[in-house]
Amino acid sequence: MRNSLFVLLIAPLLLSGTVLPAAADGPAWRDLHKEVEEGHLVGLTEIMDWLEARYEGQILEVELEQDNDDGRIEYEVEMIGPQGQVVEFEFDAESGKLLSIEGVNIDAMKK
């Protein structure tokens, strides 16, 4: 079971660099920002840059979650591809390592 730390809903304006938290607890948000600044967590822009370099599509949603079983913090990024396919990417938030990809017609999104 996972515990959502916060959810970011990202509009097509994401390409302009605008990212708005849809649900975030004030102190928890500041703590997460501090973790990124101190290098304990990978910043969202690094994850997005990795995806942009390798896959075509637009980001629909980003979640930062903590796994209740092992405590690992993960980014879950949902993208829509050029053929309308929806694919979810999971990244380890501490290392930035890609953990899994789920969806259909994923190869059609590769650059």
PDB file of N, CA and C in Angstrom:
ATOM      1  N   MET A   1       0.835  -1.177   0.000  1.00  0.00           N
ATOM      2  CA  MET A   1       0.000   0.000   0.000  1.00  0.00           C
ATOM      3  C   MET A   1       0.878   1.238   0.000  1.00  0.00           C
ATOM      4  N   ARG A   2       0.454   2.278  -0.688  1.00  0.00           N
ATOM      5  CA  ARG A   2       1.244   3.491  -0.814  1.00  0.00           C
ATOM      6  C   ARG A   2       0.535   4.662  -0.140  1.00  0.00           C
ATOM      7  N   ASN A   3       1.333   5.591   0.298  1.00  0.00           N
ATOM      8  CA  ASN A   3       0.848   6.798   0.917  1.00  0.00           C
ATOM      9  C   ASN A   3       1.268   7.960   0.033  1.00  0.00           C
ATOM     10  N   SER A   4       0.303   8.671  -0.561  1.00  0.00           N
ATOM     11  CA  SER A   4       0.641   9.795  -1.431  1.00  0.00           C
ATOM     12  C   SER A   4       1.142  10.958  -0.601  1.00  0.00           C
ATOM     13  N   LEU A   5       2.344  11.425  -0.914  1.00  0.00           N
ATOM     14  CA  LEU A   5       2.882  12.613  -0.255  1.00  0.00           C
ATOM     15  C   LEU A   5       2.266  13.854  -0.871  1.00  0.00           C
ATOM     16  N   PHE A   6       2.184  13.889  -2.182  1.00  0.00           N
ATOM     17  CA  PHE A   6       1.467  14.947  -2.876  1.00  0.00           C
ATOM     18  C   PHE A   6       1.242  14.526  -4.315  1.00  0.00           C
ATOM     19  N   VAL A   7       0.324  15.199  -4.934  1.00  0.00           N
ATOM     20  CA  VAL A   7       0.001  14.928  -6.332  1.00  0.00           C
ATOM     21  C   VAL A   7       0.149  16.226  -7.101  1.00  0.00           C
ATOM     22  N   LEU A   8       0.765  16.146  -8.236  1.00  0.00           N
ATOM     23  CA  LEU A   8       0.860  17.296  -9.132  1.00  0.00           C
ATOM     24  C   LEU A   8       0.054  16.984 -10.377  1.00  0.00           C
ATOM     25  N   LEU A   9      -0.875  17.843 -10.689  1.00  0.00           N
ATOM     26  CA  LEU A   9      -1.594  17.717 -11.955  1.00  0.00           C
ATOM     27  C   LEU A   9      -0.973  18.716 -12.899  1.00  0.00           C
ATOM     28  N   ILE A  10      -0.612  18.251 -14.058  1.00  0.00           N
ATOM     29  CA  ILE A  10       0.158  19.088 -14.957  1.00  0.00           C
ATOM     30  C   ILE A  10      -0.619  19.304 -16.246  1.00  0.00           C
ATOM     31  N   ALA A  11      -0.895  20.544 -16.519  1.00  0.00           N
ATOM     32  CA  ALA A  11      -1.624  20.927 -17.725  1.00  0.00           C
ATOM     33  C   ALA A  11      -0.675  20.951 -18.910  1.00  0.00           C
ATOM     34  N   PRO A  12      -1.198  21.034 -20.104  1.00  0.00           N
ATOM     35  CA  PRO A  12      -0.317  21.133 -21.272  1.00  0.00           C
ATOM     36  C   PRO A  12       0.646  22.319 -21.197  1.00  0.00           C
ATOM     37  N   LEU A  13       0.368  23.275 -20.329  1.00  0.00           N
ATOM     38  CA  LEU A  13       1.270  24.403 -20.164  1.00  0.00           C
ATOM     39  C   LEU A  13       2.562  24.010 -19.469  1.00  0.00           C
ATOM     40  N   LEU A  14       2.694  22.730 -19.133  1.00  0.00           N
ATOM     41  CA  LEU A  14       3.890  22.244 -18.461  1.00  0.00           C
ATOM     42  C   LEU A  14       5.144  22.628 -19.241  1.00  0.00           C
ATOM     43  N   LEU A  15       5.037  22.630 -20.535  1.00  0.00           N
ATOM     44  CA  LEU A  15       6.203  22.945 -21.353  1.00  0.00           C
ATOM     45  C   LEU A  15       6.732  24.340 -21.071  1.00  0.00           C
ATOM     46  N   SER A  16       5.872  25.205 -20.529  1.00  0.00           N
ATOM     47  CA  SER A  16       6.326  26.547 -20.175  1.00  0.00           C
ATOM     48  C   SER A  16       7.070  26.561 -18.849  1.00  0.00           C
ATOM     49  N   GLY A  17       7.099  25.407 -18.161  1.00  0.00           N
ATOM     50  CA  GLY A  17       7.799  25.326 -16.890  1.00  0.00           C
ATOM     51  C   GLY A  17       6.888  25.506 -15.694  1.00  0.00           C
ATOM     52  N   THR A  18       5.591  25.670 -15.911  1.00  0.00           N
ATOM     53  CA  THR A  18       4.655  25.873 -14.822  1.00  0.00           C
ATOM     54  C   THR A  18       4.231  24.527 -14.257  1.00  0.00           C
ATOM     55  N   VAL A  19       4.492  24.315 -12.976  1.00  0.00           N
ATOM     56  CA  VAL A  19       4.073  23.099 -12.283  1.00  0.00           C
ATOM     57  C   VAL A  19       3.364  23.538 -11.014  1.00  0.00           C
ATOM     58  N   LEU A  20       2.112  23.156 -10.876  1.00  0.00           N
ATOM     59  CA  LEU A  20       1.323  23.567  -9.725  1.00  0.00           C
ATOM     60  C   LEU A  20       0.945  22.370  -8.873  1.00  0.00           C
ATOM     61  N   PRO A  21       1.193  22.427  -7.574  1.00  0.00           N
ATOM     62  CA  PRO A  21       0.763  21.317  -6.717  1.00  0.00           C
ATOM     63  C   PRO A  21      -0.745  21.347  -6.554  1.00  0.00           C
ATOM     64  N   ALA A  22      -1.411  20.240  -6.849  1.00  0.00           N
ATOM     65  CA  ALA A  22      -2.856  20.160  -6.704  1.00  0.00           C
ATOM     66  C   ALA A  22      -3.233  19.839  -5.268  1.00  0.00           C
ATOM     67  N   ALA A  23      -2.416  19.077  -4.590  1.00  0.00           N
ATOM     68  CA  ALA A  23      -2.688  18.744  -3.199  1.00  0.00           C
ATOM     69  C   ALA A  23      -1.355  18.580  -2.494  1.00  0.00           C
ATOM     70  N   ALA A  24      -1.059  19.469  -1.584  1.00  0.00           N
ATOM     71  CA  ALA A  24       0.196  19.369  -0.850  1.00  0.00           C
ATOM     72  C   ALA A  24       0.034  20.010   0.509  1.00  0.00           C
ATOM     73  N   ASP A  25       0.469  19.318   1.526  1.00  0.00           N
ATOM     74  CA  ASP A  25       0.450  19.844   2.872  1.00  0.00           C
ATOM     75  C   ASP A  25       1.585  20.846   3.006  1.00  0.00           C
ATOM     76  N   GLY A  26       1.327  22.021   3.557  1.00  0.00           N
ATOM     77  CA  GLY A  26       2.312  23.092   3.652  1.00  0.00           C
ATOM     78  C   GLY A  26       3.659  22.661   4.204  1.00  0.00           C
ATOM     79  N   PRO A  27       3.724  22.199   5.464  1.00  0.00           N
ATOM     80  CA  PRO A  27       5.020  21.798   6.026  1.00  0.00           C
ATOM     81  C   PRO A  27       5.650  20.623   5.286  1.00  0.00           C
ATOM     82  N   ALA A  28       4.848  19.665   4.853  1.00  0.00           N
ATOM     83  CA  ALA A  28       5.373  18.515   4.119  1.00  0.00           C
ATOM     84  C   ALA A  28       5.986  18.969   2.794  1.00  0.00           C
ATOM     85  N   TRP A  29       5.345  19.926   2.134  1.00  0.00           N
ATOM     86  CA  TRP A  29       5.858  20.457   0.867  1.00  0.00           C
ATOM     87  C   TRP A  29       7.224  21.093   1.091  1.00  0.00           C
ATOM     88  N   ARG A  30       7.370  21.883   2.163  1.00  0.00           N
ATOM     89  CA  ARG A  30       8.655  22.521   2.462  1.00  0.00           C
ATOM     90  C   ARG A  30       9.723  21.480   2.782  1.00  0.00           C
ATOM     91  N   ASP A  31       9.339  20.428   3.498  1.00  0.00           N
ATOM     92  CA  ASP A  31      10.288  19.359   3.821  1.00  0.00           C
ATOM     93  C   ASP A  31      10.782  18.674   2.553  1.00  0.00           C
ATOM     94  N   LEU A  32       9.866  18.409   1.617  1.00  0.00           N
ATOM     95  CA  LEU A  32      10.255  17.771   0.358  1.00  0.00           C
ATOM     96  C   LEU A  32      11.175  18.675  -0.449  1.00  0.00           C
ATOM     97  N   HIS A  33      10.860  19.959  -0.474  1.00  0.00           N
ATOM     98  CA  HIS A  33      11.702  20.919  -1.187  1.00  0.00           C
ATOM     99  C   HIS A  33      13.111  20.910  -0.592  1.00  0.00           C
ATOM    100  N   LYS A  34      13.198  20.869   0.719  1.00  0.00           N
ATOM    101  CA  LYS A  34      14.496  20.829   1.404  1.00  0.00           C
ATOM    102  C   LYS A  34      15.255  19.550   1.055  1.00  0.00           C
ATOM    103  N   GLU A  35      14.544  18.419   0.995  1.00  0.00           N
ATOM    104  CA  GLU A  35      15.175  17.138   0.639  1.00  0.00           C
ATOM    105  C   GLU A  35      15.785  17.205  -0.756  1.00  0.00           C
ATOM    106  N   VAL A  36      15.100  17.866  -1.691  1.00  0.00           N
ATOM    107  CA  VAL A  36      15.622  18.014  -3.050  1.00  0.00           C
ATOM    108  C   VAL A  36      16.830  18.950  -3.031  1.00  0.00           C
ATOM    109  N   GLU A  37      16.703  20.090  -2.346  1.00  0.00           N
ATOM    110  CA  GLU A  37      17.813  21.042  -2.278  1.00  0.00           C
ATOM    111  C   GLU A  37      19.073  20.418  -1.694  1.00  0.00           C
ATOM    112  N   GLU A  38      18.914  19.552  -0.692  1.00  0.00           N
ATOM    113  CA  GLU A  38      20.056  18.928  -0.035  1.00  0.00           C
ATOM    114  C   GLU A  38      20.576  17.697  -0.781  1.00  0.00           C
ATOM    115  N   GLY A  39      19.905  17.329  -1.883  1.00  0.00           N
ATOM    116  CA  GLY A  39      20.370  16.214  -2.691  1.00  0.00           C
ATOM    117  C   GLY A  39      19.914  14.845  -2.207  1.00  0.00           C
ATOM    118  N   HIS A  40      18.976  14.814  -1.270  1.00  0.00           N
ATOM    119  CA  HIS A  40      18.458  13.530  -0.785  1.00  0.00           C
ATOM    120  C   HIS A  40      17.417  12.944  -1.745  1.00  0.00           C
ATOM    121  N   LEU A  41      16.723  13.820  -2.467  1.00  0.00           N
ATOM    122  CA  LEU A  41      15.748  13.401  -3.481  1.00  0.00           C
ATOM    123  C   LEU A  41      16.093  14.078  -4.801  1.00  0.00           C
ATOM    124  N   VAL A  42      15.832  13.380  -5.889  1.00  0.00           N
ATOM    125  CA  VAL A  42      16.023  13.926  -7.230  1.00  0.00           C
ATOM    126  C   VAL A  42      14.887  14.908  -7.502  1.00  0.00           C
ATOM    127  N   GLY A  43      15.202  16.033  -8.099  1.00  0.00           N
ATOM    128  CA  GLY A  43      14.180  17.013  -8.445  1.00  0.00           C
ATOM    129  C   GLY A  43      13.308  16.539  -9.598  1.00  0.00           C
ATOM    130  N   LEU A  44      12.094  17.018  -9.627  1.00  0.00           N
ATOM    131  CA  LEU A  44      11.144  16.640 -10.677  1.00  0.00           C
ATOM    132  C   LEU A  44      11.659  17.029 -12.058  1.00  0.00           C
ATOM    133  N   THR A  45      12.353  18.140 -12.158  1.00  0.00           N
ATOM    134  CA  THR A  45      12.853  18.547 -13.482  1.00  0.00           C
ATOM    135  C   THR A  45      13.839  17.532 -14.046  1.00  0.00           C
ATOM    136  N   GLU A  46      14.622  16.889 -13.193  1.00  0.00           N
ATOM    137  CA  GLU A  46      15.563  15.868 -13.666  1.00  0.00           C
ATOM    138  C   GLU A  46      14.800  14.671 -14.242  1.00  0.00           C
ATOM    139  N   ILE A  47      13.732  14.272 -13.578  1.00  0.00           N
ATOM    140  CA  ILE A  47      12.896  13.165 -14.065  1.00  0.00           C
ATOM    141  C   ILE A  47      12.262  13.545 -15.397  1.00  0.00           C
ATOM    142  N   MET A  48      11.719  14.760 -15.468  1.00  0.00           N
ATOM    143  CA  MET A  48      11.060  15.213 -16.695  1.00  0.00           C
ATOM    144  C   MET A  48      12.055  15.321 -17.846  1.00  0.00           C
ATOM    145  N   ASP A  49      13.268  15.794 -17.567  1.00  0.00           N
ATOM    146  CA  ASP A  49      14.296  15.876 -18.612  1.00  0.00           C
ATOM    147  C   ASP A  49      14.654  14.488 -19.142  1.00  0.00           C
ATOM    148  N   TRP A  50      14.745  13.509 -18.236  1.00  0.00           N
ATOM    149  CA  TRP A  50      15.052  12.133 -18.625  1.00  0.00           C
ATOM    150  C   TRP A  50      13.969  11.604 -19.558  1.00  0.00           C
ATOM    151  N   LEU A  51      12.709  11.819 -19.185  1.00  0.00           N
ATOM    152  CA  LEU A  51      11.592  11.349 -20.012  1.00  0.00           C
ATOM    153  C   LEU A  51      11.579  12.051 -21.364  1.00  0.00           C
ATOM    154  N   GLU A  52      11.757  13.364 -21.363  1.00  0.00           N
ATOM    155  CA  GLU A  52      11.716  14.129 -22.610  1.00  0.00           C
ATOM    156  C   GLU A  52      12.800  13.679 -23.583  1.00  0.00           C
ATOM    157  N   ALA A  53      13.944  13.281 -23.067  1.00  0.00           N
ATOM    158  CA  ALA A  53      15.048  12.846 -23.921  1.00  0.00           C
ATOM    159  C   ALA A  53      14.785  11.485 -24.568  1.00  0.00           C
ATOM    160  N   ARG A  54      13.898  10.700 -23.975  1.00  0.00           N
ATOM    161  CA  ARG A  54      13.717   9.318 -24.422  1.00  0.00           C
ATOM    162  C   ARG A  54      12.328   8.967 -24.958  1.00  0.00           C
ATOM    163  N   TYR A  55      11.318   9.771 -24.624  1.00  0.00           N
ATOM    164  CA  TYR A  55       9.941   9.429 -24.982  1.00  0.00           C
ATOM    165  C   TYR A  55       9.194  10.637 -25.514  1.00  0.00           C
ATOM    166  N   GLU A  56       8.308  10.374 -26.488  1.00  0.00           N
ATOM    167  CA  GLU A  56       7.421  11.404 -27.019  1.00  0.00           C
ATOM    168  C   GLU A  56       6.119  11.359 -26.246  1.00  0.00           C
ATOM    169  N   GLY A  57       5.565  12.513 -25.968  1.00  0.00           N
ATOM    170  CA  GLY A  57       4.287  12.578 -25.280  1.00  0.00           C
ATOM    171  C   GLY A  57       4.230  13.750 -24.326  1.00  0.00           C
ATOM    172  N   GLN A  58       3.098  13.839 -23.637  1.00  0.00           N
ATOM    173  CA  GLN A  58       2.895  14.908 -22.670  1.00  0.00           C
ATOM    174  C   GLN A  58       2.628  14.296 -21.304  1.00  0.00           C
ATOM    175  N   ILE A  59       3.160  14.940 -20.289  1.00  0.00           N
ATOM    176  CA  ILE A  59       2.934  14.476 -18.927  1.00  0.00           C
ATOM    177  C   ILE A  59       1.554  14.910 -18.476  1.00  0.00           C
ATOM    178  N   LEU A  60       0.794  13.944 -17.973  1.00  0.00           N
ATOM    179  CA  LEU A  60      -0.549  14.210 -17.486  1.00  0.00           C
ATOM    180  C   LEU A  60      -0.586  14.421 -15.980  1.00  0.00           C
ATOM    181  N   GLU A  61       0.182  13.598 -15.262  1.00  0.00           N
ATOM    182  CA  GLU A  61       0.113  13.630 -13.809  1.00  0.00           C
ATOM    183  C   GLU A  61       1.421  13.121 -13.217  1.00  0.00           C
ATOM    184  N   VAL A  62       1.791  13.712 -12.088  1.00  0.00           N
ATOM    185  CA  VAL A  62       2.959  13.249 -11.348  1.00  0.00           C
ATOM    186  C   VAL A  62       2.548  13.066  -9.900  1.00  0.00           C
ATOM    187  N   GLU A  63       2.916  11.923  -9.337  1.00  0.00           N
ATOM    188  CA  GLU A  63       2.680  11.671  -7.923  1.00  0.00           C
ATOM    189  C   GLU A  63       4.015  11.341  -7.264  1.00  0.00           C
ATOM    190  N   LEU A  64       4.204  11.847  -6.083  1.00  0.00           N
ATOM    191  CA  LEU A  64       5.345  11.477  -5.265  1.00  0.00           C
ATOM    192  C   LEU A  64       4.776  10.694  -4.106  1.00  0.00           C
ATOM    193  N   GLU A  65       5.133   9.421  -4.034  1.00  0.00           N
ATOM    194  CA  GLU A  65       4.536   8.527  -3.050  1.00  0.00           C
ATOM    195  C   GLU A  65       5.602   7.829  -2.233  1.00  0.00           C
ATOM    196  N   GLN A  66       5.197   7.462  -1.035  1.00  0.00           N
ATOM    197  CA  GLN A  66       6.071   6.666  -0.178  1.00  0.00           C
ATOM    198  C   GLN A  66       5.440   5.298  -0.004  1.00  0.00           C
ATOM    199  N   ASP A  67       6.203   4.273  -0.316  1.00  0.00           N
ATOM    200  CA  ASP A  67       5.742   2.895  -0.183  1.00  0.00           C
ATOM    201  C   ASP A  67       5.720   2.545   1.302  1.00  0.00           C
ATOM    202  N   ASN A  68       4.568   2.132   1.798  1.00  0.00           N
ATOM    203  CA  ASN A  68       4.441   1.798   3.221  1.00  0.00           C
ATOM    204  C   ASN A  68       5.210   0.545   3.590  1.00  0.00           C
ATOM    205  N   ASP A  69       5.483  -0.340   2.626  1.00  0.00           N
ATOM    206  CA  ASP A  69       6.187  -1.585   2.919  1.00  0.00           C
ATOM    207  C   ASP A  69       7.680  -1.372   3.175  1.00  0.00           C
ATOM    208  N   ASP A  70       8.328  -0.615   2.280  1.00  0.00           N
ATOM    209  CA  ASP A  70       9.775  -0.433   2.444  1.00  0.00           C
ATOM    210  C   ASP A  70      10.186   1.021   2.669  1.00  0.00           C
ATOM    211  N   GLY A  71       9.241   1.931   2.650  1.00  0.00           N
ATOM    212  CA  GLY A  71       9.542   3.337   2.907  1.00  0.00           C
ATOM    213  C   GLY A  71      10.159   4.080   1.739  1.00  0.00           C
ATOM    214  N   ARG A  72      10.359   3.382   0.605  1.00  0.00           N
ATOM    215  CA  ARG A  72      10.961   4.023  -0.565  1.00  0.00           C
ATOM    216  C   ARG A  72      10.023   5.111  -1.095  1.00  0.00           C
ATOM    217  N   ILE A  73      10.612   6.239  -1.469  1.00  0.00           N
ATOM    218  CA  ILE A  73       9.851   7.328  -2.067  1.00  0.00           C
ATOM    219  C   ILE A  73      10.013   7.233  -3.573  1.00  0.00           C
ATOM    220  N   GLU A  74       8.879   7.302  -4.283  1.00  0.00           N
ATOM    221  CA  GLU A  74       8.885   7.122  -5.733  1.00  0.00           C
ATOM    222  C   GLU A  74       8.088   8.212  -6.430  1.00  0.00           C
ATOM    223  N   TYR A  75       8.572   8.587  -7.618  1.00  0.00           N
ATOM    224  CA  TYR A  75       7.788   9.412  -8.523  1.00  0.00           C
ATOM    225  C   TYR A  75       7.019   8.468  -9.425  1.00  0.00           C
ATOM    226  N   GLU A  76       5.724   8.726  -9.591  1.00  0.00           N
ATOM    227  CA  GLU A  76       4.923   8.042 -10.606  1.00  0.00           C
ATOM    228  C   GLU A  76       4.504   9.103 -11.613  1.00  0.00           C
ATOM    229  N   VAL A  77       4.924   8.911 -12.858  1.00  0.00           N
ATOM    230  CA  VAL A  77       4.655   9.883 -13.902  1.00  0.00           C
ATOM    231  C   VAL A  77       3.780   9.228 -14.962  1.00  0.00           C
ATOM    232  N   GLU A  78       2.641   9.839 -15.220  1.00  0.00           N
ATOM    233  CA  GLU A  78       1.721   9.341 -16.242  1.00  0.00           C
ATOM    234  C   GLU A  78       1.845  10.228 -17.471  1.00  0.00           C
ATOM    235  N   MET A  79       2.107   9.597 -18.623  1.00  0.00           N
ATOM    236  CA  MET A  79       2.255  10.318 -19.885  1.00  0.00           C
ATOM    237  C   MET A  79       1.243   9.809 -20.896  1.00  0.00           C
ATOM    238  N   ILE A  80       0.856  10.694 -21.791  1.00  0.00           N
ATOM    239  CA  ILE A  80       0.029  10.292 -22.926  1.00  0.00           C
ATOM    240  C   ILE A  80       0.896  10.412 -24.173  1.00  0.00           C
ATOM    241  N   GLY A  81       0.903   9.346 -24.956  1.00  0.00           N
ATOM    242  CA  GLY A  81       1.737   9.294 -26.147  1.00  0.00           C
ATOM    243  C   GLY A  81       1.047   9.872 -27.365  1.00  0.00           C
ATOM    244  N   PRO A  82       1.759   9.932 -28.488  1.00  0.00           N
ATOM    245  CA  PRO A  82       1.235  10.529 -29.715  1.00  0.00           C
ATOM    246  C   PRO A  82       0.042   9.777 -30.305  1.00  0.00           C
ATOM    247  N   GLN A  83      -0.132   8.519 -29.932  1.00  0.00           N
ATOM    248  CA  GLN A  83      -1.267   7.738 -30.429  1.00  0.00           C
ATOM    249  C   GLN A  83      -2.370   7.625 -29.373  1.00  0.00           C
ATOM    250  N   GLY A  84      -2.272   8.431 -28.315  1.00  0.00           N
ATOM    251  CA  GLY A  84      -3.287   8.426 -27.268  1.00  0.00           C
ATOM    252  C   GLY A  84      -3.057   7.391 -26.177  1.00  0.00           C
ATOM    253  N   GLN A  85      -1.955   6.649 -26.272  1.00  0.00           N
ATOM    254  CA  GLN A  85      -1.672   5.644 -25.259  1.00  0.00           C
ATOM    255  C   GLN A  85      -1.248   6.320 -23.949  1.00  0.00           C
ATOM    256  N   VAL A  86      -1.661   5.748 -22.830  1.00  0.00           N
ATOM    257  CA  VAL A  86      -1.282   6.268 -21.520  1.00  0.00           C
ATOM    258  C   VAL A  86      -0.295   5.293 -20.889  1.00  0.00           C
ATOM    259  N   VAL A  87       0.832   5.826 -20.451  1.00  0.00           N
ATOM    260  CA  VAL A  87       1.911   5.009 -19.904  1.00  0.00           C
ATOM    261  C   VAL A  87       2.327   5.594 -18.563  1.00  0.00           C
ATOM    262  N   GLU A  88       2.572   4.711 -17.593  1.00  0.00           N
ATOM    263  CA  GLU A  88       3.023   5.148 -16.277  1.00  0.00           C
ATOM    264  C   GLU A  88       4.468   4.716 -16.057  1.00  0.00           C
ATOM    265  N   PHE A  89       5.297   5.666 -15.649  1.00  0.00           N
ATOM    266  CA  PHE A  89       6.696   5.433 -15.343  1.00  0.00           C
ATOM    267  C   PHE A  89       6.880   5.594 -13.834  1.00  0.00           C
ATOM    268  N   GLU A  90       7.617   4.687 -13.222  1.00  0.00           N
ATOM    269  CA  GLU A  90       7.929   4.803 -11.804  1.00  0.00           C
ATOM    270  C   GLU A  90       9.433   4.970 -11.646  1.00  0.00           C
ATOM    271  N   PHE A  91       9.819   5.966 -10.841  1.00  0.00           N
ATOM    272  CA  PHE A  91      11.220   6.273 -10.589  1.00  0.00           C
ATOM    273  C   PHE A  91      11.492   6.273  -9.091  1.00  0.00           C
ATOM    274  N   ASP A  92      12.656   5.807  -8.699  1.00  0.00           N
ATOM    275  CA  ASP A  92      13.106   5.944  -7.326  1.00  0.00           C
ATOM    276  C   ASP A  92      13.448   7.420  -7.128  1.00  0.00           C
ATOM    277  N   ALA A  93      12.812   8.074  -6.161  1.00  0.00           N
ATOM    278  CA  ALA A  93      13.000   9.511  -5.974  1.00  0.00           C
ATOM    279  C   ALA A  93      14.357   9.851  -5.364  1.00  0.00           C
ATOM    280  N   GLU A  94      15.011   8.888  -4.742  1.00  0.00           N
ATOM    281  CA  GLU A  94      16.324   9.158  -4.157  1.00  0.00           C
ATOM    282  C   GLU A  94      17.439   9.062  -5.192  1.00  0.00           C
ATOM    283  N   SER A  95      17.333   8.108  -6.112  1.00  0.00           N
ATOM    284  CA  SER A  95      18.401   7.903  -7.098  1.00  0.00           C
ATOM    285  C   SER A  95      18.034   8.401  -8.501  1.00  0.00           C
ATOM    286  N   GLY A  96      16.735   8.529  -8.779  1.00  0.00           N
ATOM    287  CA  GLY A  96      16.283   8.885 -10.121  1.00  0.00           C
ATOM    288  C   GLY A  96      16.205   7.690 -11.054  1.00  0.00           C
ATOM    289  N   LYS A  97      16.506   6.497 -10.540  1.00  0.00           N
ATOM    290  CA  LYS A  97      16.505   5.281 -11.356  1.00  0.00           C
ATOM    291  C   LYS A  97      15.082   4.905 -11.775  1.00  0.00           C
ATOM    292  N   LEU A  98      14.919   4.555 -13.055  1.00  0.00           N
ATOM    293  CA  LEU A  98      13.647   4.060 -13.555  1.00  0.00           C
ATOM    294  C   LEU A  98      13.388   2.682 -12.959  1.00  0.00           C
ATOM    295  N   LEU A  99      12.238   2.515 -12.310  1.00  0.00           N
ATOM    296  CA  LEU A  99      11.899   1.244 -11.670  1.00  0.00           C
ATOM    297  C   LEU A  99      10.992   0.388 -12.535  1.00  0.00           C
ATOM    298  N   SER A 100      10.022   1.023 -13.214  1.00  0.00           N
ATOM    299  CA  SER A 100       9.101   0.246 -14.049  1.00  0.00           C
ATOM    300  C   SER A 100       8.377   1.157 -15.033  1.00  0.00           C
ATOM    301  N   ILE A 101       7.861   0.506 -16.082  1.00  0.00           N
ATOM    302  CA  ILE A 101       7.023   1.170 -17.083  1.00  0.00           C
ATOM    303  C   ILE A 101       5.825   0.272 -17.307  1.00  0.00           C
ATOM    304  N   GLU A 102       4.622   0.863 -17.256  1.00  0.00           N
ATOM    305  CA  GLU A 102       3.401   0.102 -17.515  1.00  0.00           C
ATOM    306  C   GLU A 102       2.557   0.853 -18.528  1.00  0.00           C
ATOM    307  N   GLY A 103       1.956   0.119 -19.450  1.00  0.00           N
ATOM    308  CA  GLY A 103       1.081   0.718 -20.422  1.00  0.00           C
ATOM    309  C   GLY A 103       1.092  -0.078 -21.720  1.00  0.00           C
ATOM    310  N   VAL A 104       0.395   0.449 -22.702  1.00  0.00           N
ATOM    311  CA  VAL A 104       0.328  -0.223 -23.995  1.00  0.00           C
ATOM    312  C   VAL A 104       1.063   0.604 -25.052  1.00  0.00           C
ATOM    313  N   ASN A 105       1.623  -0.092 -26.023  1.00  0.00           N
ATOM    314  CA  ASN A 105       2.277   0.537 -27.158  1.00  0.00           C
ATOM    315  C   ASN A 105       3.391   1.515 -26.726  1.00  0.00           C
ATOM    316  N   ILE A 106       4.144   1.103 -25.733  1.00  0.00           N
ATOM    317  CA  ILE A 106       5.206   1.931 -25.172  1.00  0.00           C
ATOM    318  C   ILE A 106       6.288   2.199 -26.224  1.00  0.00           C
ATOM    319  N   ASP A 107       6.607   1.204 -27.035  1.00  0.00           N
ATOM    320  CA  ASP A 107       7.667   1.364 -28.036  1.00  0.00           C
ATOM    321  C   ASP A 107       7.363   2.490 -29.017  1.00  0.00           C
ATOM    322  N   ALA A 108       6.094   2.767 -29.286  1.00  0.00           N
ATOM    323  CA  ALA A 108       5.723   3.834 -30.203  1.00  0.00           C
ATOM    324  C   ALA A 108       6.031   5.217 -29.634  1.00  0.00           C
ATOM    325  N   MET A 109       6.276   5.300 -28.339  1.00  0.00           N
ATOM    326  CA  MET A 109       6.591   6.576 -27.697  1.00  0.00           C
ATOM    327  C   MET A 109       8.093   6.841 -27.658  1.00  0.00           C
ATOM    328  N   LYS A 110       8.894   5.803 -27.891  1.00  0.00           N
ATOM    329  CA  LYS A 110      10.343   5.971 -27.792  1.00  0.00           C
ATOM    330  C   LYS A 110      10.866   6.863 -28.896  1.00  0.00           C
ATOM    331  N   LYS A 111      11.834   7.702 -28.546  1.00  0.00           N
ATOM    332  CA  LYS A 111      12.472   8.582 -29.535  1.00  0.00           C
ATOM    333  C   LYS A 111      13.600   7.854 -30.223  1.00  0.00           C
TER     334      LYS A 111
END
